[in-house]
C-alpha atoms as a PDB file:
ATOM      1  CA  UNK A   1      -7.171  95.491 103.727  1.00  0.00           C
ATOM      2  CA  UNK A   2      -8.263  93.002 106.382  1.00  0.00           C
ATOM      3  CA  UNK A   3      -7.893  89.269 105.856  1.00  0.00           C
ATOM      4  CA  UNK A   4      -9.450  86.970 108.454  1.00  0.00           C
ATOM      5  CA  UNK A   5      -8.291  83.387 108.892  1.00  0.00           C
ATOM      6  CA  UNK A   6      -6.152  82.831 105.813  1.00  0.00           C
ATOM      7  CA  UNK A   7      -5.406  79.125 105.641  1.00  0.00           C
ATOM      8  CA  UNK A   8      -1.626  79.421 105.296  1.00  0.00           C
ATOM      9  CA  UNK A   9       0.831  82.261 105.020  1.00  0.00           C
ATOM     10  CA  UNK A  10       4.339  81.899 103.662  1.00  0.00           C
ATOM     11  CA  UNK A  11       7.241  84.137 104.701  1.00  0.00           C
ATOM     12  CA  UNK A  12      10.213  83.078 102.605  1.00  0.00           C
ATOM     13  CA  UNK A  13      10.735  79.362 103.215  1.00  0.00           C
ATOM     14  CA  UNK A  14       8.625  79.342 106.403  1.00  0.00           C
ATOM     15  CA  UNK A  15       4.953  78.370 106.276  1.00  0.00           C
ATOM     16  CA  UNK A  16       2.971  80.011 109.066  1.00  0.00           C
ATOM     17  CA  UNK A  17      -0.188  78.163 110.092  1.00  0.00           C
ATOM     18  CA  UNK A  18      -3.060  79.198 112.367  1.00  0.00           C
ATOM     19  CA  UNK A  19      -2.935  82.818 111.205  1.00  0.00           C
ATOM     20  CA  UNK A  20      -6.005  84.561 112.608  1.00  0.00           C
ATOM     21  CA  UNK A  21      -5.706  87.913 110.831  1.00  0.00           C
ATOM     22  CA  UNK A  22      -3.636  90.000 108.456  1.00  0.00           C
ATOM     23  CA  UNK A  23      -4.115  93.764 108.391  1.00  0.00           C
ATOM     24  CA  UNK A  24      -2.531  95.884 105.656  1.00  0.00           C
ATOM     25  CA  UNK A  25      -2.392  99.594 106.527  1.00  0.00           C
ATOM     26  CA  UNK A  26      -1.329 102.374 104.174  1.00  0.00           C
ATOM     27  CA  UNK A  27      -0.221 105.587 105.877  1.00  0.00           C
ATOM     28  CA  UNK A  28       1.364 108.851 104.811  1.00  0.00           C
ATOM     29  CA  UNK A  29       5.003 109.194 105.813  1.00  0.00           C
ATOM     30  CA  UNK A  30       5.130 112.732 104.420  1.00  0.00           C
ATOM     31  CA  UNK A  31       2.345 115.056 103.344  1.00  0.00           C
ATOM     32  CA  UNK A  32       2.333 118.303 101.415  1.00  0.00           C
ATOM     33  CA  UNK A  33      -0.486 120.587 102.538  1.00  0.00           C
ATOM     34  CA  UNK A  34      -1.278 124.001 101.058  1.00  0.00           C
ATOM     35  CA  UNK A  35      -3.854 126.624 101.913  1.00  0.00           C
ATOM     36  CA  UNK A  36      -5.185 129.299  99.593  1.00  0.00           C
ATOM     37  CA  UNK A  37      -5.183 133.045 100.201  1.00  0.00           C
ATOM     38  CA  UNK A  38      -8.980 133.223 100.381  1.00  0.00           C
ATOM     39  CA  UNK A  39      -9.611 131.323 103.591  1.00  0.00           C
ATOM     40  CA  UNK A  40      -8.373 128.998 106.339  1.00  0.00           C
ATOM     41  CA  UNK A  41      -9.164 125.708 104.610  1.00  0.00           C
ATOM     42  CA  UNK A  42      -6.794 123.334 102.839  1.00  0.00           C
ATOM     43  CA  UNK A  43      -6.859 123.619  99.054  1.00  0.00           C
ATOM     44  CA  UNK A  44      -4.262 120.955  98.159  1.00  0.00           C
ATOM     45  CA  UNK A  45      -3.000 117.808  99.813  1.00  0.00           C
ATOM     46  CA  UNK A  46      -0.461 115.404  98.352  1.00  0.00           C
ATOM     47  CA  UNK A  47       1.178 112.320  99.824  1.00  0.00           C
ATOM     48  CA  UNK A  48       4.554 111.915  98.113  1.00  0.00           C
ATOM     49  CA  UNK A  49       5.815 109.276 100.583  1.00  0.00           C
ATOM     50  CA  UNK A  50       3.825 106.315 101.886  1.00  0.00           C
ATOM     51  CA  UNK A  51       4.372 103.387 104.227  1.00  0.00           C
ATOM     52  CA  UNK A  52       2.637 100.034 103.994  1.00  0.00           C
ATOM     53  CA  UNK A  53       2.565  98.212 107.309  1.00  0.00           C
ATOM     54  CA  UNK A  54       1.366  94.621 107.590  1.00  0.00           C
ATOM     55  CA  UNK A  55       0.287  93.290 110.972  1.00  0.00           C
ATOM     56  CA  UNK A  56      -0.127  89.532 111.256  1.00  0.00           C
ATOM     57  CA  UNK A  57      -1.530  87.643 114.258  1.00  0.00           C
ATOM     58  CA  UNK A  58      -1.376  83.908 114.693  1.00  0.00           C
ATOM     59  CA  UNK A  59      -2.251  81.346 117.320  1.00  0.00           C
ATOM     60  CA  UNK A  60       0.740  79.483 118.769  1.00  0.00           C
ATOM     61  CA  UNK A  61      -0.156  75.910 119.774  1.00  0.00           C
ATOM     62  CA  UNK A  62       3.323  74.617 120.678  1.00  0.00           C
ATOM     63  CA  UNK A  63       6.849  75.819 121.338  1.00  0.00           C
ATOM     64  CA  UNK A  64       8.066  78.203 118.657  1.00  0.00           C
ATOM     65  CA  UNK A  65      11.810  78.158 117.965  1.00  0.00           C
ATOM     66  CA  UNK A  66      11.969  79.596 114.458  1.00  0.00           C
ATOM     67  CA  UNK A  67      10.219  82.936 114.930  1.00  0.00           C
ATOM     68  CA  UNK A  68      11.145  85.757 112.593  1.00  0.00           C
ATOM     69  CA  UNK A  69      13.481  88.436 113.893  1.00  0.00           C
ATOM     70  CA  UNK A  70      13.525  92.170 113.287  1.00  0.00           C
ATOM     71  CA  UNK A  71      15.422  92.931 110.055  1.00  0.00           C
ATOM     72  CA  UNK A  72      14.505  89.546 108.449  1.00  0.00           C
ATOM     73  CA  UNK A  73      13.572  90.269 104.829  1.00  0.00           C
ATOM     74  CA  UNK A  74      11.552  87.770 102.775  1.00  0.00           C
ATOM     75  CA  UNK A  75       8.586  87.583 100.454  1.00  0.00           C
ATOM     76  CA  UNK A  76       5.260  87.371 102.281  1.00  0.00           C
ATOM     77  CA  UNK A  77       2.593  85.431 100.351  1.00  0.00           C
ATOM     78  CA  UNK A  78      -0.982  84.649 101.345  1.00  0.00           C
ATOM     79  CA  UNK A  79      -4.244  83.912  99.583  1.00  0.00           C
ATOM     80  CA  UNK A  80      -7.736  85.210 100.125  1.00  0.00           C
ATOM     81  CA  UNK A  81     -11.128  84.356  98.654  1.00  0.00           C
ATOM     82  CA  UNK A  82     -14.687  85.528  99.305  1.00  0.00           C
ATOM     83  CA  UNK A  83     -15.678  81.929 100.142  1.00  0.00           C
ATOM     84  CA  UNK A  84     -13.718  78.851 101.191  1.00  0.00           C
ATOM     85  CA  UNK A  85     -13.168  77.798  97.587  1.00  0.00           C
ATOM     86  CA  UNK A  86     -10.741  78.519  94.772  1.00  0.00           C
ATOM     87  CA  UNK A  87     -13.293  80.674  92.956  1.00  0.00           C
ATOM     88  CA  UNK A  88     -12.246  84.354  92.844  1.00  0.00           C
ATOM     89  CA  UNK A  89      -9.204  83.427  94.918  1.00  0.00           C
ATOM     90  CA  UNK A  90      -6.458  86.088  94.965  1.00  0.00           C
ATOM     91  CA  UNK A  91      -2.774  85.752  95.880  1.00  0.00           C
ATOM     92  CA  UNK A  92      -1.172  88.691  97.688  1.00  0.00           C
ATOM     93  CA  UNK A  93       2.611  89.116  97.553  1.00  0.00           C
ATOM     94  CA  UNK A  94       4.964  91.638  99.105  1.00  0.00           C
ATOM     95  CA  UNK A  95       8.646  91.728  99.933  1.00  0.00           C
ATOM     96  CA  UNK A  96       8.706  92.669 103.615  1.00  0.00           C
ATOM     97  CA  UNK A  97      11.027  93.391 106.510  1.00  0.00           C
ATOM     98  CA  UNK A  98      10.085  92.331 110.035  1.00  0.00           C
ATOM     99  CA  UNK A  99      10.097  95.387 112.303  1.00  0.00           C
ATOM    100  CA  UNK A 100       8.667  93.856 115.480  1.00  0.00           C
ATOM    101  CA  UNK A 101       7.658  90.555 117.033  1.00  0.00           C
ATOM    102  CA  UNK A 102       5.520  90.420 120.175  1.00  0.00           C
ATOM    103  CA  UNK A 103       3.647  87.734 122.086  1.00  0.00           C
ATOM    104  CA  UNK A 104       0.510  87.738 124.171  1.00  0.00           C
ATOM    105  CA  UNK A 105      -0.682  85.133 126.676  1.00  0.00           C
ATOM    106  CA  UNK A 106      -4.216  84.864 128.038  1.00  0.00           C
ATOM    107  CA  UNK A 107      -6.455  82.152 129.394  1.00  0.00           C
ATOM    108  CA  UNK A 108      -9.207  82.915 126.899  1.00  0.00           C
ATOM    109  CA  UNK A 109      -7.136  83.155 123.706  1.00  0.00           C
ATOM    110  CA  UNK A 110      -4.003  81.180 124.567  1.00  0.00           C
ATOM    111  CA  UNK A 111      -0.672  82.230 123.043  1.00  0.00           C
ATOM    112  CA  UNK A 112      -0.805  84.785 120.227  1.00  0.00           C
ATOM    113  CA  UNK A 113       2.157  85.946 118.162  1.00  0.00           C
ATOM    114  CA  UNK A 114       2.003  89.425 116.569  1.00  0.00           C
ATOM    115  CA  UNK A 115       4.376  90.135 113.674  1.00  0.00           C
ATOM    116  CA  UNK A 116       4.673  93.644 112.229  1.00  0.00           C
ATOM    117  CA  UNK A 117       6.264  94.045 108.797  1.00  0.00           C
ATOM    118  CA  UNK A 118       6.960  96.920 106.415  1.00  0.00           C
ATOM    119  CA  UNK A 119       6.455  96.267 102.690  1.00  0.00           C
ATOM    120  CA  UNK A 120       9.273  97.263 100.307  1.00  0.00           C
ATOM    121  CA  UNK A 121       8.921  98.622  96.788  1.00  0.00           C
ATOM    122  CA  UNK A 122      11.205  97.168  94.117  1.00  0.00           C
ATOM    123  CA  UNK A 123      12.157 100.595  92.771  1.00  0.00           C
ATOM    124  CA  UNK A 124      10.497 103.168  95.027  1.00  0.00           C
ATOM    125  CA  UNK A 125       7.696 103.902  92.543  1.00  0.00           C
ATOM    126  CA  UNK A 126       6.011 100.486  92.186  1.00  0.00           C
ATOM    127  CA  UNK A 127       3.332  99.487  94.698  1.00  0.00           C
ATOM    128  CA  UNK A 128       4.887  96.973  97.131  1.00  0.00           C
ATOM    129  CA  UNK A 129       1.670  94.905  97.232  1.00  0.00           C
ATOM    130  CA  UNK A 130       0.980  92.636  94.252  1.00  0.00           C
ATOM    131  CA  UNK A 131      -2.442  90.989  93.925  1.00  0.00           C
ATOM    132  CA  UNK A 132      -2.899  88.254  91.310  1.00  0.00           C
ATOM    133  CA  UNK A 133      -5.254  85.444  90.365  1.00  0.00           C
ATOM    134  CA  UNK A 134      -4.755  82.323  92.490  1.00  0.00           C
ATOM    135  CA  UNK A 135      -7.498  80.065  91.192  1.00  0.00           C
ATOM    136  CA  UNK A 136      -4.789  77.438  90.552  1.00  0.00           C
ATOM    137  CA  UNK A 137      -4.792  76.741  94.313  1.00  0.00           C
ATOM    138  CA  UNK A 138      -1.032  77.300  94.673  1.00  0.00           C
ATOM    139  CA  UNK A 139       0.257  79.438  97.512  1.00  0.00           C
END
């Protein structure tokens, strides 16, 4: 999932503005791979353990004193819509832990903050990402 220019993102009580992108990646932490007796090709693949990593980039326009720290755990909430209206607007929620915080400085792009988070499941079986209707306009 790639979200470009969400208006506002909330991480717990902190509202993050000027977010330029949010990327949600799903990767296999463990795979089960089996081959048959009739040839060299894989006949079964299963992914019993997954990791959902969320990478967020935002423009920093002034001094930043309240940046998240690795191990901070909060609910991440942001909204997305196919157009800049409330029609078909969706709210994405996930309880996340910050695993890294990095900054980049350049003359062309200015100061960019990169936050990497890992989404947590409530019980280990439920998908950590919840997507719901947000046509009410509430973040």
